[in-house]
């Protein structure tokens, strides 16, 4: 492999994590120890909220949004789910399996 090709490959590999971070433009919440990593967060309308199950057990993240339930469904360990909100307000996010898992999301 030529020196130029090696340099180009290294540049792409180094930039890859930055590309994902920019594209996602959201907030990540981890689920571990049967709790959320955040108790309260603030989002912009339409901004993504990424949930990563970093726990040893399954979770089911949901919220009631304007009378309709937003439900990520069963999230097994190491799975991800994305939630977003189209309307400003305050929303309670919970786990349908573990009732003590609660967090407040404020959307501006």
N, C-alpha and C. Protein backbone atom coordinates (compact mmCIF):
# COMPACT_ATOMS: atom_id res chain seq x y z
N UNK A 1 0.86 -1.18 0.00
CA UNK A 1 0.00 0.00 0.00
C UNK A 1 0.90 1.23 0.00
N UNK A 2 0.59 2.19 -0.85
CA UNK A 2 1.41 3.40 -0.93
C UNK A 2 1.22 4.26 0.31
N UNK A 3 2.18 5.14 0.55
CA UNK A 3 2.13 6.03 1.71
C UNK A 3 0.90 6.94 1.64
N UNK A 4 0.53 7.38 0.45
CA UNK A 4 -0.64 8.24 0.28
C UNK A 4 -1.92 7.49 0.66
N UNK A 5 -2.05 6.23 0.23
CA UNK A 5 -3.24 5.44 0.56
C UNK A 5 -3.33 5.18 2.06
N UNK A 6 -2.17 4.91 2.70
CA UNK A 6 -2.15 4.69 4.15
C UNK A 6 -2.60 5.94 4.89
N UNK A 7 -2.14 7.10 4.44
CA UNK A 7 -2.52 8.37 5.08
C UNK A 7 -4.02 8.61 4.94
N UNK A 8 -4.56 8.34 3.75
CA UNK A 8 -6.00 8.53 3.52
C UNK A 8 -6.82 7.59 4.40
N UNK A 9 -6.36 6.33 4.52
CA UNK A 9 -7.07 5.36 5.35
C UNK A 9 -7.05 5.77 6.81
N UNK A 10 -5.93 6.21 7.30
CA UNK A 10 -5.83 6.66 8.70
C UNK A 10 -6.72 7.88 8.94
N UNK A 11 -6.77 8.81 8.01
CA UNK A 11 -7.63 9.99 8.15
C UNK A 11 -9.10 9.59 8.22
N UNK A 12 -9.52 8.64 7.40
CA UNK A 12 -10.92 8.19 7.42
C UNK A 12 -11.25 7.50 8.73
N UNK A 13 -10.36 6.64 9.22
CA UNK A 13 -10.61 5.93 10.46
C UNK A 13 -10.68 6.87 11.65
N UNK A 14 -9.86 7.90 11.64
CA UNK A 14 -9.87 8.87 12.74
C UNK A 14 -11.12 9.74 12.71
N UNK A 15 -11.63 10.03 11.53
CA UNK A 15 -12.80 10.91 11.39
C UNK A 15 -14.11 10.16 11.62
N UNK A 16 -14.12 8.83 11.50
CA UNK A 16 -15.35 8.05 11.59
C UNK A 16 -16.13 8.32 12.88
N UNK A 17 -15.50 8.32 14.08
CA UNK A 17 -16.28 8.60 15.28
C UNK A 17 -16.90 9.99 15.27
N UNK A 18 -16.23 10.96 14.69
CA UNK A 18 -16.76 12.32 14.63
C UNK A 18 -17.98 12.39 13.72
N UNK A 19 -17.97 11.65 12.63
CA UNK A 19 -19.10 11.66 11.69
C UNK A 19 -20.36 11.15 12.40
N UNK A 20 -20.26 10.05 13.15
CA UNK A 20 -21.40 9.51 13.87
C UNK A 20 -21.93 10.47 14.91
N UNK A 21 -21.03 11.15 15.63
CA UNK A 21 -21.44 12.08 16.67
C UNK A 21 -22.19 13.26 16.07
N UNK A 22 -21.73 13.77 14.95
CA UNK A 22 -22.38 14.91 14.31
C UNK A 22 -23.73 14.50 13.73
N UNK A 23 -23.81 13.33 13.10
CA UNK A 23 -25.04 12.89 12.46
C UNK A 23 -26.14 12.64 13.49
N UNK A 24 -25.77 12.14 14.64
CA UNK A 24 -26.78 11.77 15.63
C UNK A 24 -27.38 13.00 16.28
N UNK A 25 -26.59 13.99 16.63
CA UNK A 25 -27.05 15.25 17.22
C UNK A 25 -28.12 15.05 18.29
N UNK A 26 -27.85 14.17 19.22
CA UNK A 26 -28.82 13.91 20.26
C UNK A 26 -28.14 13.71 21.60
N UNK A 27 -28.91 13.20 22.53
CA UNK A 27 -28.42 12.94 23.87
C UNK A 27 -28.54 11.44 24.11
N UNK A 28 -27.51 10.86 24.73
CA UNK A 28 -27.51 9.43 25.03
C UNK A 28 -27.80 9.21 26.51
N UNK A 29 -28.71 8.29 26.77
CA UNK A 29 -29.05 7.89 28.13
C UNK A 29 -28.78 6.40 28.24
N UNK A 30 -28.03 6.02 29.25
CA UNK A 30 -27.72 4.61 29.48
C UNK A 30 -28.68 4.04 30.51
N UNK A 31 -28.96 2.77 30.38
CA UNK A 31 -29.78 2.04 31.35
C UNK A 31 -28.85 1.02 32.00
N UNK A 32 -28.63 1.18 33.30
CA UNK A 32 -27.74 0.28 34.02
C UNK A 32 -28.17 0.24 35.48
N UNK A 33 -28.08 -0.92 36.09
CA UNK A 33 -28.49 -1.05 37.48
C UNK A 33 -29.97 -0.77 37.66
N UNK A 34 -30.75 -1.07 36.64
CA UNK A 34 -32.20 -0.82 36.64
C UNK A 34 -32.51 0.65 36.91
N UNK A 35 -31.71 1.54 36.30
CA UNK A 35 -31.98 2.98 36.39
C UNK A 35 -31.45 3.67 35.14
N UNK A 36 -31.94 4.87 34.90
CA UNK A 36 -31.45 5.70 33.80
C UNK A 36 -30.23 6.47 34.27
N UNK A 37 -29.30 6.74 33.37
CA UNK A 37 -28.09 7.50 33.73
C UNK A 37 -28.41 8.96 34.02
N UNK A 38 -29.54 9.45 33.56
CA UNK A 38 -29.97 10.83 33.78
C UNK A 38 -31.32 10.83 34.47
N UNK A 39 -31.51 11.77 35.38
CA UNK A 39 -32.81 11.91 36.05
C UNK A 39 -33.69 12.93 35.32
N UNK A 40 -33.05 13.91 34.70
CA UNK A 40 -33.78 14.96 33.96
C UNK A 40 -32.87 15.49 32.86
N UNK A 41 -33.45 15.73 31.69
CA UNK A 41 -32.69 16.31 30.57
C UNK A 41 -33.58 17.29 29.83
N UNK A 42 -32.94 18.14 29.04
CA UNK A 42 -33.66 19.09 28.19
C UNK A 42 -33.24 18.86 26.75
N UNK A 43 -34.24 18.77 25.87
CA UNK A 43 -34.03 18.55 24.44
C UNK A 43 -34.65 19.68 23.64
N UNK A 44 -34.23 19.79 22.40
CA UNK A 44 -34.90 20.66 21.44
C UNK A 44 -35.96 19.82 20.73
N UNK A 45 -36.99 20.45 20.21
CA UNK A 45 -38.02 19.73 19.47
C UNK A 45 -37.35 18.95 18.34
N UNK A 46 -37.67 17.66 18.24
CA UNK A 46 -37.14 16.80 17.19
C UNK A 46 -35.76 16.20 17.47
N UNK A 47 -35.09 16.67 18.51
CA UNK A 47 -33.77 16.14 18.84
C UNK A 47 -33.90 14.69 19.34
N UNK A 48 -32.99 13.84 18.93
CA UNK A 48 -33.06 12.43 19.29
C UNK A 48 -32.57 12.17 20.71
N UNK A 49 -33.24 11.23 21.34
CA UNK A 49 -32.86 10.75 22.66
C UNK A 49 -32.54 9.27 22.47
N UNK A 50 -31.26 8.93 22.54
CA UNK A 50 -30.80 7.57 22.31
C UNK A 50 -30.70 6.84 23.64
N UNK A 51 -31.39 5.71 23.75
CA UNK A 51 -31.33 4.88 24.94
C UNK A 51 -30.48 3.65 24.63
N UNK A 52 -29.45 3.42 25.45
CA UNK A 52 -28.59 2.24 25.30
C UNK A 52 -28.76 1.38 26.54
N UNK A 53 -29.19 0.14 26.33
CA UNK A 53 -29.34 -0.78 27.45
C UNK A 53 -27.97 -1.37 27.77
N UNK A 54 -27.34 -0.80 28.77
CA UNK A 54 -26.03 -1.23 29.23
C UNK A 54 -26.17 -2.06 30.51
N UNK A 55 -27.34 -2.69 30.64
CA UNK A 55 -27.70 -3.44 31.84
C UNK A 55 -27.64 -4.94 31.52
N UNK A 56 -27.82 -5.75 32.53
CA UNK A 56 -27.83 -7.20 32.36
C UNK A 56 -29.23 -7.74 32.14
N UNK A 57 -30.24 -6.85 32.23
CA UNK A 57 -31.63 -7.25 32.09
C UNK A 57 -32.30 -6.41 30.99
N UNK A 58 -33.43 -6.88 30.51
CA UNK A 58 -34.19 -6.17 29.48
C UNK A 58 -34.95 -4.99 30.09
N UNK A 59 -35.22 -3.98 29.25
CA UNK A 59 -36.01 -2.82 29.63
C UNK A 59 -37.03 -2.53 28.54
N UNK A 60 -38.02 -1.70 28.88
CA UNK A 60 -39.02 -1.27 27.91
C UNK A 60 -39.33 0.20 28.18
N UNK A 61 -38.63 1.07 27.49
CA UNK A 61 -38.75 2.52 27.69
C UNK A 61 -39.99 3.04 26.97
N UNK A 62 -40.76 3.87 27.67
CA UNK A 62 -41.96 4.45 27.06
C UNK A 62 -42.25 5.81 27.67
N UNK A 63 -43.13 6.55 27.01
CA UNK A 63 -43.62 7.83 27.52
C UNK A 63 -44.99 8.09 26.91
N UNK A 64 -45.82 8.79 27.66
CA UNK A 64 -47.11 9.23 27.11
C UNK A 64 -46.89 10.60 26.48
N UNK A 65 -47.18 10.74 25.21
CA UNK A 65 -46.99 11.98 24.48
C UNK A 65 -48.33 12.41 23.91
N UNK A 66 -48.86 13.50 24.44
CA UNK A 66 -50.15 14.03 23.99
C UNK A 66 -51.22 12.94 23.92
N UNK A 67 -51.28 12.12 24.95
CA UNK A 67 -52.29 11.07 25.02
C UNK A 67 -51.92 9.81 24.27
N UNK A 68 -50.85 9.81 23.50
CA UNK A 68 -50.41 8.62 22.77
C UNK A 68 -49.13 8.08 23.41
N UNK A 69 -49.04 6.78 23.48
CA UNK A 69 -47.89 6.16 24.11
C UNK A 69 -46.76 5.98 23.08
N UNK A 70 -45.58 6.49 23.39
CA UNK A 70 -44.38 6.25 22.60
C UNK A 70 -43.64 5.13 23.31
N UNK A 71 -43.46 4.01 22.64
CA UNK A 71 -42.94 2.82 23.28
C UNK A 71 -41.80 2.24 22.43
N UNK A 72 -40.62 2.11 23.03
CA UNK A 72 -39.48 1.53 22.31
C UNK A 72 -39.55 0.01 22.26
N UNK A 73 -40.47 -0.58 22.99
CA UNK A 73 -40.59 -2.03 23.00
C UNK A 73 -39.49 -2.66 23.84
N UNK A 74 -39.42 -3.97 23.80
CA UNK A 74 -38.45 -4.69 24.60
C UNK A 74 -37.04 -4.43 24.10
N UNK A 75 -36.19 -3.95 25.00
CA UNK A 75 -34.79 -3.68 24.72
C UNK A 75 -33.95 -4.66 25.51
N UNK A 76 -33.38 -5.59 24.84
CA UNK A 76 -32.50 -6.56 25.51
C UNK A 76 -31.15 -5.90 25.80
N UNK A 77 -30.33 -6.50 26.66
CA UNK A 77 -29.00 -5.94 26.93
C UNK A 77 -28.22 -5.67 25.63
N UNK A 78 -27.53 -4.54 25.60
CA UNK A 78 -26.72 -4.07 24.47
C UNK A 78 -27.52 -3.58 23.28
N UNK A 79 -28.83 -3.45 23.40
CA UNK A 79 -29.64 -2.90 22.32
C UNK A 79 -29.85 -1.41 22.52
N UNK A 80 -30.15 -0.72 21.42
CA UNK A 80 -30.39 0.73 21.44
C UNK A 80 -31.80 1.02 20.94
N UNK A 81 -32.32 2.15 21.36
CA UNK A 81 -33.60 2.64 20.87
C UNK A 81 -33.58 4.16 20.85
N UNK A 82 -34.29 4.75 19.89
CA UNK A 82 -34.31 6.21 19.74
C UNK A 82 -35.73 6.73 19.92
N UNK A 83 -35.84 7.80 20.70
CA UNK A 83 -37.11 8.46 20.95
C UNK A 83 -36.92 9.94 20.64
N UNK A 84 -37.94 10.58 20.07
CA UNK A 84 -37.89 12.03 19.88
C UNK A 84 -39.28 12.59 20.12
N UNK A 85 -39.33 13.90 20.36
CA UNK A 85 -40.59 14.56 20.70
C UNK A 85 -40.82 15.72 19.74
N UNK A 86 -42.02 15.82 19.18
CA UNK A 86 -42.35 16.85 18.20
C UNK A 86 -43.01 18.08 18.80
N UNK A 87 -43.34 18.02 20.10
CA UNK A 87 -44.05 19.10 20.75
C UNK A 87 -43.34 19.49 22.05
N UNK A 88 -43.24 20.80 22.28
CA UNK A 88 -42.62 21.28 23.53
C UNK A 88 -43.46 20.85 24.72
N UNK A 89 -42.79 20.62 25.83
CA UNK A 89 -43.49 20.25 27.06
C UNK A 89 -42.60 19.41 27.95
N UNK A 90 -43.22 18.88 29.01
CA UNK A 90 -42.49 18.01 29.95
C UNK A 90 -43.09 16.61 29.85
N UNK A 91 -42.21 15.62 29.74
CA UNK A 91 -42.64 14.25 29.55
C UNK A 91 -41.95 13.34 30.57
N UNK A 92 -42.72 12.45 31.15
CA UNK A 92 -42.16 11.43 32.03
C UNK A 92 -41.79 10.23 31.18
N UNK A 93 -40.56 9.79 31.29
CA UNK A 93 -40.09 8.60 30.59
C UNK A 93 -39.88 7.53 31.65
N UNK A 94 -40.38 6.34 31.36
CA UNK A 94 -40.32 5.26 32.34
C UNK A 94 -39.97 3.94 31.67
N UNK A 95 -39.73 2.95 32.50
CA UNK A 95 -39.54 1.57 32.03
C UNK A 95 -40.79 0.79 32.44
N UNK A 96 -41.41 0.13 31.49
CA UNK A 96 -42.62 -0.62 31.77
C UNK A 96 -42.34 -1.87 32.62
N UNK A 97 -41.09 -2.30 32.65
CA UNK A 97 -40.72 -3.50 33.42
C UNK A 97 -40.28 -3.14 34.84
N UNK A 98 -39.59 -2.00 34.98
CA UNK A 98 -39.03 -1.59 36.27
C UNK A 98 -39.63 -0.24 36.67
N UNK A 99 -40.70 -0.21 37.47
CA UNK A 99 -41.42 1.03 37.77
C UNK A 99 -40.59 2.11 38.47
N UNK A 100 -39.46 1.75 39.08
CA UNK A 100 -38.62 2.78 39.73
C UNK A 100 -37.76 3.54 38.73
N UNK A 101 -37.69 3.06 37.49
CA UNK A 101 -36.90 3.76 36.46
C UNK A 101 -37.74 4.91 35.91
N UNK A 102 -37.35 6.13 36.27
CA UNK A 102 -38.09 7.32 35.85
C UNK A 102 -37.11 8.41 35.48
N UNK A 103 -37.49 9.20 34.49
CA UNK A 103 -36.73 10.41 34.19
C UNK A 103 -37.67 11.42 33.55
N UNK A 104 -37.34 12.70 33.73
CA UNK A 104 -38.15 13.78 33.18
C UNK A 104 -37.43 14.36 31.97
N UNK A 105 -38.17 14.52 30.89
CA UNK A 105 -37.64 15.12 29.66
C UNK A 105 -38.38 16.42 29.43
N UNK A 106 -37.64 17.51 29.34
CA UNK A 106 -38.22 18.80 29.00
C UNK A 106 -37.85 19.10 27.56
N UNK A 107 -38.85 19.39 26.74
CA UNK A 107 -38.63 19.68 25.32
C UNK A 107 -38.95 21.14 25.09
N UNK A 108 -37.97 21.85 24.53
CA UNK A 108 -38.13 23.30 24.26
C UNK A 108 -38.23 23.58 22.79
